[in-house]
Amino acid sequence: MENKPGSTDPKTRFDKANRKVTSYTQYSSIAFQMLGTIGLGVWGGMKLDEWQGNRLPVWTIVLALTAIGASLYLFIKGLPKE
């Protein structure tokens, strides 16, 4: 079998597809981790506000912003070093 210019062998195509799938799963797992962290912060803040009887949702705001900061930190830390 001859290699024509512009054609790629199946192994090279498989490696390219595998890299795409790997990066997709890595970034989607980071997105779910961020979603879970922020959701947990908001839920915890709502429960604390409910427990304390706050009229202004102070704990919800504080814990939501803290969770956003933590999830951004984990996102930046989890980026590939390439």
PDB file of N, CA and C in Angstrom:
ATOM      1  N   MET A   1       0.841  -1.167   0.000  1.00  0.00           N
ATOM      2  CA  MET A   1       0.000   0.000   0.000  1.00  0.00           C
ATOM      3  C   MET A   1       0.891   1.236   0.000  1.00  0.00           C
ATOM      4  N   GLU A   2       0.613   2.146  -0.901  1.00  0.00           N
ATOM      5  CA  GLU A   2       1.417   3.346  -1.022  1.00  0.00           C
ATOM      6  C   GLU A   2       0.852   4.464  -0.168  1.00  0.00           C
ATOM      7  N   ASN A   3       1.753   5.253   0.352  1.00  0.00           N
ATOM      8  CA  ASN A   3       1.329   6.456   1.062  1.00  0.00           C
ATOM      9  C   ASN A   3       1.316   7.607   0.080  1.00  0.00           C
ATOM     10  N   LYS A   4       0.145   8.121  -0.185  1.00  0.00           N
ATOM     11  CA  LYS A   4       0.004   9.253  -1.089  1.00  0.00           C
ATOM     12  C   LYS A   4       0.143  10.535  -0.282  1.00  0.00           C
ATOM     13  N   PRO A   5       0.619  11.590  -0.907  1.00  0.00           N
ATOM     14  CA  PRO A   5       0.701  12.866  -0.199  1.00  0.00           C
ATOM     15  C   PRO A   5      -0.692  13.310   0.262  1.00  0.00           C
ATOM     16  N   GLY A   6      -0.782  13.717   1.503  1.00  0.00           N
ATOM     17  CA  GLY A   6      -2.044  14.190   2.030  1.00  0.00           C
ATOM     18  C   GLY A   6      -2.866  13.101   2.714  1.00  0.00           C
ATOM     19  N   SER A   7      -2.499  11.847   2.486  1.00  0.00           N
ATOM     20  CA  SER A   7      -3.247  10.781   3.151  1.00  0.00           C
ATOM     21  C   SER A   7      -2.544  10.428   4.456  1.00  0.00           C
ATOM     22  N   THR A   8      -3.317  10.016   5.414  1.00  0.00           N
ATOM     23  CA  THR A   8      -2.749   9.640   6.704  1.00  0.00           C
ATOM     24  C   THR A   8      -3.096   8.194   6.986  1.00  0.00           C
ATOM     25  N   ASP A   9      -2.242   7.548   7.717  1.00  0.00           N
ATOM     26  CA  ASP A   9      -2.519   6.158   8.064  1.00  0.00           C
ATOM     27  C   ASP A   9      -3.541   6.103   9.203  1.00  0.00           C
ATOM     28  N   PRO A  10      -4.185   4.973   9.397  1.00  0.00           N
ATOM     29  CA  PRO A  10      -5.233   4.864  10.421  1.00  0.00           C
ATOM     30  C   PRO A  10      -4.724   5.127  11.835  1.00  0.00           C
ATOM     31  N   LYS A  11      -3.480   4.765  12.127  1.00  0.00           N
ATOM     32  CA  LYS A  11      -2.945   4.986  13.468  1.00  0.00           C
ATOM     33  C   LYS A  11      -2.856   6.474  13.781  1.00  0.00           C
ATOM     34  N   THR A  12      -2.423   7.280  12.828  1.00  0.00           N
ATOM     35  CA  THR A  12      -2.328   8.722  13.038  1.00  0.00           C
ATOM     36  C   THR A  12      -3.711   9.328  13.242  1.00  0.00           C
ATOM     37  N   ARG A  13      -4.676   8.901  12.435  1.00  0.00           N
ATOM     38  CA  ARG A  13      -6.041   9.398  12.607  1.00  0.00           C
ATOM     39  C   ARG A  13      -6.607   8.985  13.960  1.00  0.00           C
ATOM     40  N   PHE A  14      -6.316   7.754  14.395  1.00  0.00           N
ATOM     41  CA  PHE A  14      -6.784   7.278  15.692  1.00  0.00           C
ATOM     42  C   PHE A  14      -6.156   8.089  16.820  1.00  0.00           C
ATOM     43  N   ASP A  15      -4.866   8.389  16.714  1.00  0.00           N
ATOM     44  CA  ASP A  15      -4.192   9.181  17.744  1.00  0.00           C
ATOM     45  C   ASP A  15      -4.780  10.586  17.848  1.00  0.00           C
ATOM     46  N   LYS A  16      -5.084  11.220  16.700  1.00  0.00           N
ATOM     47  CA  LYS A  16      -5.696  12.546  16.711  1.00  0.00           C
ATOM     48  C   LYS A  16      -7.067  12.504  17.363  1.00  0.00           C
ATOM     49  N   ALA A  17      -7.869  11.519  17.000  1.00  0.00           N
ATOM     50  CA  ALA A  17      -9.211  11.388  17.572  1.00  0.00           C
ATOM     51  C   ALA A  17      -9.128  11.100  19.064  1.00  0.00           C
ATOM     52  N   ASN A  18      -8.175  10.296  19.469  1.00  0.00           N
ATOM     53  CA  ASN A  18      -8.010   9.957  20.880  1.00  0.00           C
ATOM     54  C   ASN A  18      -7.632  11.192  21.696  1.00  0.00           C
ATOM     55  N   ARG A  19      -6.771  12.047  21.154  1.00  0.00           N
ATOM     56  CA  ARG A  19      -6.402  13.286  21.855  1.00  0.00           C
ATOM     57  C   ARG A  19      -7.606  14.202  22.009  1.00  0.00           C
ATOM     58  N   LYS A  20      -8.442  14.289  20.973  1.00  0.00           N
ATOM     59  CA  LYS A  20      -9.638  15.131  21.050  1.00  0.00           C
ATOM     60  C   LYS A  20     -10.594  14.626  22.111  1.00  0.00           C
ATOM     61  N   VAL A  21     -10.813  13.326  22.161  1.00  0.00           N
ATOM     62  CA  VAL A  21     -11.720  12.750  23.148  1.00  0.00           C
ATOM     63  C   VAL A  21     -11.156  12.929  24.547  1.00  0.00           C
ATOM     64  N   THR A  22      -9.868  12.756  24.713  1.00  0.00           N
ATOM     65  CA  THR A  22      -9.247  12.912  26.019  1.00  0.00           C
ATOM     66  C   THR A  22      -9.381  14.348  26.516  1.00  0.00           C
ATOM     67  N   SER A  23      -9.134  15.329  25.658  1.00  0.00           N
ATOM     68  CA  SER A  23      -9.263  16.720  26.086  1.00  0.00           C
ATOM     69  C   SER A  23     -10.717  17.069  26.354  1.00  0.00           C
ATOM     70  N   TYR A  24     -11.639  16.521  25.564  1.00  0.00           N
ATOM     71  CA  TYR A  24     -13.064  16.766  25.789  1.00  0.00           C
ATOM     72  C   TYR A  24     -13.491  16.234  27.152  1.00  0.00           C
ATOM     73  N   THR A  25     -13.095  15.019  27.480  1.00  0.00           N
ATOM     74  CA  THR A  25     -13.480  14.447  28.772  1.00  0.00           C
ATOM     75  C   THR A  25     -12.819  15.189  29.922  1.00  0.00           C
ATOM     76  N   GLN A  26     -11.598  15.647  29.726  1.00  0.00           N
ATOM     77  CA  GLN A  26     -10.909  16.392  30.786  1.00  0.00           C
ATOM     78  C   GLN A  26     -11.640  17.701  31.079  1.00  0.00           C
ATOM     79  N   TYR A  27     -11.986  18.445  30.038  1.00  0.00           N
ATOM     80  CA  TYR A  27     -12.654  19.723  30.246  1.00  0.00           C
ATOM     81  C   TYR A  27     -14.096  19.552  30.726  1.00  0.00           C
ATOM     82  N   SER A  28     -14.763  18.511  30.277  1.00  0.00           N
ATOM     83  CA  SER A  28     -16.123  18.297  30.763  1.00  0.00           C
ATOM     84  C   SER A  28     -16.109  17.873  32.226  1.00  0.00           C
ATOM     85  N   SER A  29     -15.105  17.127  32.649  1.00  0.00           N
ATOM     86  CA  SER A  29     -15.026  16.768  34.068  1.00  0.00           C
ATOM     87  C   SER A  29     -14.713  17.995  34.923  1.00  0.00           C
ATOM     88  N   ILE A  30     -13.900  18.906  34.405  1.00  0.00           N
ATOM     89  CA  ILE A  30     -13.624  20.150  35.133  1.00  0.00           C
ATOM     90  C   ILE A  30     -14.904  20.977  35.246  1.00  0.00           C
ATOM     91  N   ALA A  31     -15.712  20.997  34.188  1.00  0.00           N
ATOM     92  CA  ALA A  31     -16.973  21.751  34.221  1.00  0.00           C
ATOM     93  C   ALA A  31     -17.929  21.178  35.269  1.00  0.00           C
ATOM     94  N   PHE A  32     -18.029  19.844  35.329  1.00  0.00           N
ATOM     95  CA  PHE A  32     -18.896  19.234  36.337  1.00  0.00           C
ATOM     96  C   PHE A  32     -18.360  19.463  37.746  1.00  0.00           C
ATOM     97  N   GLN A  33     -17.055  19.482  37.899  1.00  0.00           N
ATOM     98  CA  GLN A  33     -16.467  19.767  39.205  1.00  0.00           C
ATOM     99  C   GLN A  33     -16.791  21.201  39.622  1.00  0.00           C
ATOM    100  N   MET A  34     -16.692  22.152  38.685  1.00  0.00           N
ATOM    101  CA  MET A  34     -17.039  23.539  38.989  1.00  0.00           C
ATOM    102  C   MET A  34     -18.514  23.665  39.350  1.00  0.00           C
ATOM    103  N   LEU A  35     -19.357  23.004  38.592  1.00  0.00           N
ATOM    104  CA  LEU A  35     -20.793  23.043  38.852  1.00  0.00           C
ATOM    105  C   LEU A  35     -21.114  22.478  40.239  1.00  0.00           C
ATOM    106  N   GLY A  36     -20.488  21.380  40.588  1.00  0.00           N
ATOM    107  CA  GLY A  36     -20.707  20.784  41.899  1.00  0.00           C
ATOM    108  C   GLY A  36     -20.208  21.662  43.031  1.00  0.00           C
ATOM    109  N   THR A  37     -19.048  22.272  42.865  1.00  0.00           N
ATOM    110  CA  THR A  37     -18.487  23.137  43.898  1.00  0.00           C
ATOM    111  C   THR A  37     -19.364  24.362  44.124  1.00  0.00           C
ATOM    112  N   ILE A  38     -19.790  25.008  43.051  1.00  0.00           N
ATOM    113  CA  ILE A  38     -20.635  26.193  43.180  1.00  0.00           C
ATOM    114  C   ILE A  38     -22.002  25.810  43.743  1.00  0.00           C
ATOM    115  N   GLY A  39     -22.552  24.708  43.274  1.00  0.00           N
ATOM    116  CA  GLY A  39     -23.844  24.252  43.780  1.00  0.00           C
ATOM    117  C   GLY A  39     -23.802  23.931  45.261  1.00  0.00           C
ATOM    118  N   LEU A  40     -22.732  23.301  45.700  1.00  0.00           N
ATOM    119  CA  LEU A  40     -22.577  22.978  47.116  1.00  0.00           C
ATOM    120  C   LEU A  40     -22.434  24.248  47.955  1.00  0.00           C
ATOM    121  N   GLY A  41     -21.719  25.239  47.441  1.00  0.00           N
ATOM    122  CA  GLY A  41     -21.571  26.503  48.155  1.00  0.00           C
ATOM    123  C   GLY A  41     -22.895  27.236  48.298  1.00  0.00           C
ATOM    124  N   VAL A  42     -23.679  27.258  47.217  1.00  0.00           N
ATOM    125  CA  VAL A  42     -24.980  27.930  47.262  1.00  0.00           C
ATOM    126  C   VAL A  42     -25.922  27.184  48.203  1.00  0.00           C
ATOM    127  N   TRP A  43     -25.950  25.858  48.105  1.00  0.00           N
ATOM    128  CA  TRP A  43     -26.820  25.056  48.973  1.00  0.00           C
ATOM    129  C   TRP A  43     -26.452  25.245  50.445  1.00  0.00           C
ATOM    130  N   GLY A  44     -25.149  25.205  50.740  1.00  0.00           N
ATOM    131  CA  GLY A  44     -24.702  25.412  52.119  1.00  0.00           C
ATOM    132  C   GLY A  44     -25.058  26.800  52.630  1.00  0.00           C
ATOM    133  N   GLY A  45     -24.910  27.804  51.790  1.00  0.00           N
ATOM    134  CA  GLY A  45     -25.270  29.161  52.175  1.00  0.00           C
ATOM    135  C   GLY A  45     -26.755  29.313  52.429  1.00  0.00           C
ATOM    136  N   MET A  46     -27.567  28.690  51.599  1.00  0.00           N
ATOM    137  CA  MET A  46     -29.015  28.746  51.806  1.00  0.00           C
ATOM    138  C   MET A  46     -29.417  28.070  53.111  1.00  0.00           C
ATOM    139  N   LYS A  47     -28.800  26.935  53.410  1.00  0.00           N
ATOM    140  CA  LYS A  47     -29.108  26.229  54.654  1.00  0.00           C
ATOM    141  C   LYS A  47     -28.671  27.046  55.872  1.00  0.00           C
ATOM    142  N   LEU A  48     -27.501  27.678  55.800  1.00  0.00           N
ATOM    143  CA  LEU A  48     -27.052  28.523  56.909  1.00  0.00           C
ATOM    144  C   LEU A  48     -27.963  29.730  57.102  1.00  0.00           C
ATOM    145  N   ASP A  49     -28.374  30.364  56.014  1.00  0.00           N
ATOM    146  CA  ASP A  49     -29.291  31.504  56.113  1.00  0.00           C
ATOM    147  C   ASP A  49     -30.643  31.069  56.693  1.00  0.00           C
ATOM    148  N   GLU A  50     -31.100  29.907  56.267  1.00  0.00           N
ATOM    149  CA  GLU A  50     -32.364  29.388  56.795  1.00  0.00           C
ATOM    150  C   GLU A  50     -32.241  29.078  58.288  1.00  0.00           C
ATOM    151  N   TRP A  51     -31.135  28.483  58.682  1.00  0.00           N
ATOM    152  CA  TRP A  51     -30.905  28.107  60.075  1.00  0.00           C
ATOM    153  C   TRP A  51     -30.809  29.343  60.983  1.00  0.00           C
ATOM    154  N   GLN A  52     -30.145  30.392  60.481  1.00  0.00           N
ATOM    155  CA  GLN A  52     -29.986  31.611  61.272  1.00  0.00           C
ATOM    156  C   GLN A  52     -31.172  32.560  61.137  1.00  0.00           C
ATOM    157  N   GLY A  53     -32.032  32.336  60.175  1.00  0.00           N
ATOM    158  CA  GLY A  53     -33.188  33.206  59.976  1.00  0.00           C
ATOM    159  C   GLY A  53     -32.834  34.566  59.409  1.00  0.00           C
ATOM    160  N   ASN A  54     -31.817  34.622  58.589  1.00  0.00           N
ATOM    161  CA  ASN A  54     -31.386  35.891  57.986  1.00  0.00           C
ATOM    162  C   ASN A  54     -32.393  36.363  56.946  1.00  0.00           C
ATOM    163  N   ARG A  55     -32.702  37.639  56.993  1.00  0.00           N
ATOM    164  CA  ARG A  55     -33.574  38.220  55.963  1.00  0.00           C
ATOM    165  C   ARG A  55     -32.783  38.471  54.685  1.00  0.00           C
ATOM    166  N   LEU A  56     -31.552  38.901  54.839  1.00  0.00           N
ATOM    167  CA  LEU A  56     -30.644  39.099  53.704  1.00  0.00           C
ATOM    168  C   LEU A  56     -29.781  37.837  53.576  1.00  0.00           C
ATOM    169  N   PRO A  57     -29.713  37.238  52.394  1.00  0.00           N
ATOM    170  CA  PRO A  57     -28.983  35.968  52.242  1.00  0.00           C
ATOM    171  C   PRO A  57     -27.453  36.152  52.259  1.00  0.00           C
ATOM    172  N   VAL A  58     -26.945  36.540  53.414  1.00  0.00           N
ATOM    173  CA  VAL A  58     -25.519  36.834  53.540  1.00  0.00           C
ATOM    174  C   VAL A  58     -24.672  35.596  53.279  1.00  0.00           C
ATOM    175  N   TRP A  59     -25.002  34.494  53.939  1.00  0.00           N
ATOM    176  CA  TRP A  59     -24.198  33.278  53.789  1.00  0.00           C
ATOM    177  C   TRP A  59     -24.277  32.717  52.374  1.00  0.00           C
ATOM    178  N   THR A  60     -25.417  32.846  51.749  1.00  0.00           N
ATOM    179  CA  THR A  60     -25.542  32.367  50.371  1.00  0.00           C
ATOM    180  C   THR A  60     -24.604  33.145  49.455  1.00  0.00           C
ATOM    181  N   ILE A  61     -24.566  34.447  49.613  1.00  0.00           N
ATOM    182  CA  ILE A  61     -23.690  35.289  48.793  1.00  0.00           C
ATOM    183  C   ILE A  61     -22.225  34.985  49.075  1.00  0.00           C
ATOM    184  N   VAL A  62     -21.870  34.910  50.359  1.00  0.00           N
ATOM    185  CA  VAL A  62     -20.469  34.684  50.737  1.00  0.00           C
ATOM    186  C   VAL A  62     -19.990  33.315  50.258  1.00  0.00           C
ATOM    187  N   LEU A  63     -20.771  32.278  50.544  1.00  0.00           N
ATOM    188  CA  LEU A  63     -20.334  30.936  50.153  1.00  0.00           C
ATOM    189  C   LEU A  63     -20.388  30.728  48.641  1.00  0.00           C
ATOM    190  N   ALA A  64     -21.333  31.370  47.948  1.00  0.00           N
ATOM    191  CA  ALA A  64     -21.371  31.257  46.491  1.00  0.00           C
ATOM    192  C   ALA A  64     -20.133  31.897  45.866  1.00  0.00           C
ATOM    193  N   LEU A  65     -19.773  33.089  46.342  1.00  0.00           N
ATOM    194  CA  LEU A  65     -18.572  33.747  45.801  1.00  0.00           C
ATOM    195  C   LEU A  65     -17.297  32.989  46.159  1.00  0.00           C
ATOM    196  N   THR A  66     -17.249  32.442  47.359  1.00  0.00           N
ATOM    197  CA  THR A  66     -16.096  31.627  47.756  1.00  0.00           C
ATOM    198  C   THR A  66     -15.992  30.375  46.884  1.00  0.00           C
ATOM    199  N   ALA A  67     -17.135  29.743  46.615  1.00  0.00           N
ATOM    200  CA  ALA A  67     -17.132  28.550  45.769  1.00  0.00           C
ATOM    201  C   ALA A  67     -16.724  28.879  44.338  1.00  0.00           C
ATOM    202  N   ILE A  68     -17.149  30.030  43.839  1.00  0.00           N
ATOM    203  CA  ILE A  68     -16.737  30.441  42.492  1.00  0.00           C
ATOM    204  C   ILE A  68     -15.222  30.647  42.443  1.00  0.00           C
ATOM    205  N   GLY A  69     -14.687  31.313  43.451  1.00  0.00           N
ATOM    206  CA  GLY A  69     -13.238  31.508  43.509  1.00  0.00           C
ATOM    207  C   GLY A  69     -12.487  30.189  43.614  1.00  0.00           C
ATOM    208  N   ALA A  70     -12.990  29.276  44.444  1.00  0.00           N
ATOM    209  CA  ALA A  70     -12.342  27.971  44.591  1.00  0.00           C
ATOM    210  C   ALA A  70     -12.417  27.166  43.300  1.00  0.00           C
ATOM    211  N   SER A  71     -13.548  27.215  42.625  1.00  0.00           N
ATOM    212  CA  SER A  71     -13.669  26.455  41.383  1.00  0.00           C
ATOM    213  C   SER A  71     -12.792  27.040  40.278  1.00  0.00           C
ATOM    214  N   LEU A  72     -12.650  28.362  40.236  1.00  0.00           N
ATOM    215  CA  LEU A  72     -11.733  28.964  39.263  1.00  0.00           C
ATOM    216  C   LEU A  72     -10.278  28.592  39.564  1.00  0.00           C
ATOM    217  N   TYR A  73      -9.940  28.559  40.847  1.00  0.00           N
ATOM    218  CA  TYR A  73      -8.589  28.143  41.235  1.00  0.00           C
ATOM    219  C   TYR A  73      -8.332  26.699  40.802  1.00  0.00           C
ATOM    220  N   LEU A  74      -9.304  25.814  41.050  1.00  0.00           N
ATOM    221  CA  LEU A  74      -9.137  24.420  40.657  1.00  0.00           C
ATOM    222  C   LEU A  74      -9.096  24.268  39.145  1.00  0.00           C
ATOM    223  N   PHE A  75      -9.844  25.109  38.420  1.00  0.00           N
ATOM    224  CA  PHE A  75      -9.811  25.072  36.963  1.00  0.00           C
ATOM    225  C   PHE A  75      -8.430  25.468  36.437  1.00  0.00           C
ATOM    226  N   ILE A  76      -7.903  26.555  36.946  1.00  0.00           N
ATOM    227  CA  ILE A  76      -6.589  27.017  36.493  1.00  0.00           C
ATOM    228  C   ILE A  76      -5.511  26.015  36.874  1.00  0.00           C
ATOM    229  N   LYS A  77      -5.613  25.450  38.047  1.00  0.00           N
ATOM    230  CA  LYS A  77      -4.653  24.450  38.494  1.00  0.00           C
ATOM    231  C   LYS A  77      -4.731  23.174  37.655  1.00  0.00           C
ATOM    232  N   GLY A  78      -5.928  22.856  37.147  1.00  0.00           N
ATOM    233  CA  GLY A  78      -6.119  21.643  36.379  1.00  0.00           C
ATOM    234  C   GLY A  78      -5.823  21.756  34.899  1.00  0.00           C
ATOM    235  N   LEU A  79      -5.493  22.945  34.420  1.00  0.00           N
ATOM    236  CA  LEU A  79      -5.172  23.119  33.003  1.00  0.00           C
ATOM    237  C   LEU A  79      -3.905  22.370  32.655  1.00  0.00           C
ATOM    238  N   PRO A  80      -3.841  21.832  31.454  1.00  0.00           N
ATOM    239  CA  PRO A  80      -2.629  21.114  31.044  1.00  0.00           C
ATOM    240  C   PRO A  80      -1.424  22.045  30.966  1.00  0.00           C
ATOM    241  N   LYS A  81      -0.275  21.511  31.221  1.00  0.00           N
ATOM    242  CA  LYS A  81       0.958  22.296  31.256  1.00  0.00           C
ATOM    243  C   LYS A  81       1.666  22.365  29.905  1.00  0.00           C
ATOM    244  N   GLU A  82       0.950  22.063  28.828  1.00  0.00           N
ATOM    245  CA  GLU A  82       1.570  22.005  27.495  1.00  0.00           C
ATOM    246  C   GLU A  82       1.947  23.342  26.985  1.00  0.00           C
TER     247      GLU A  82
END
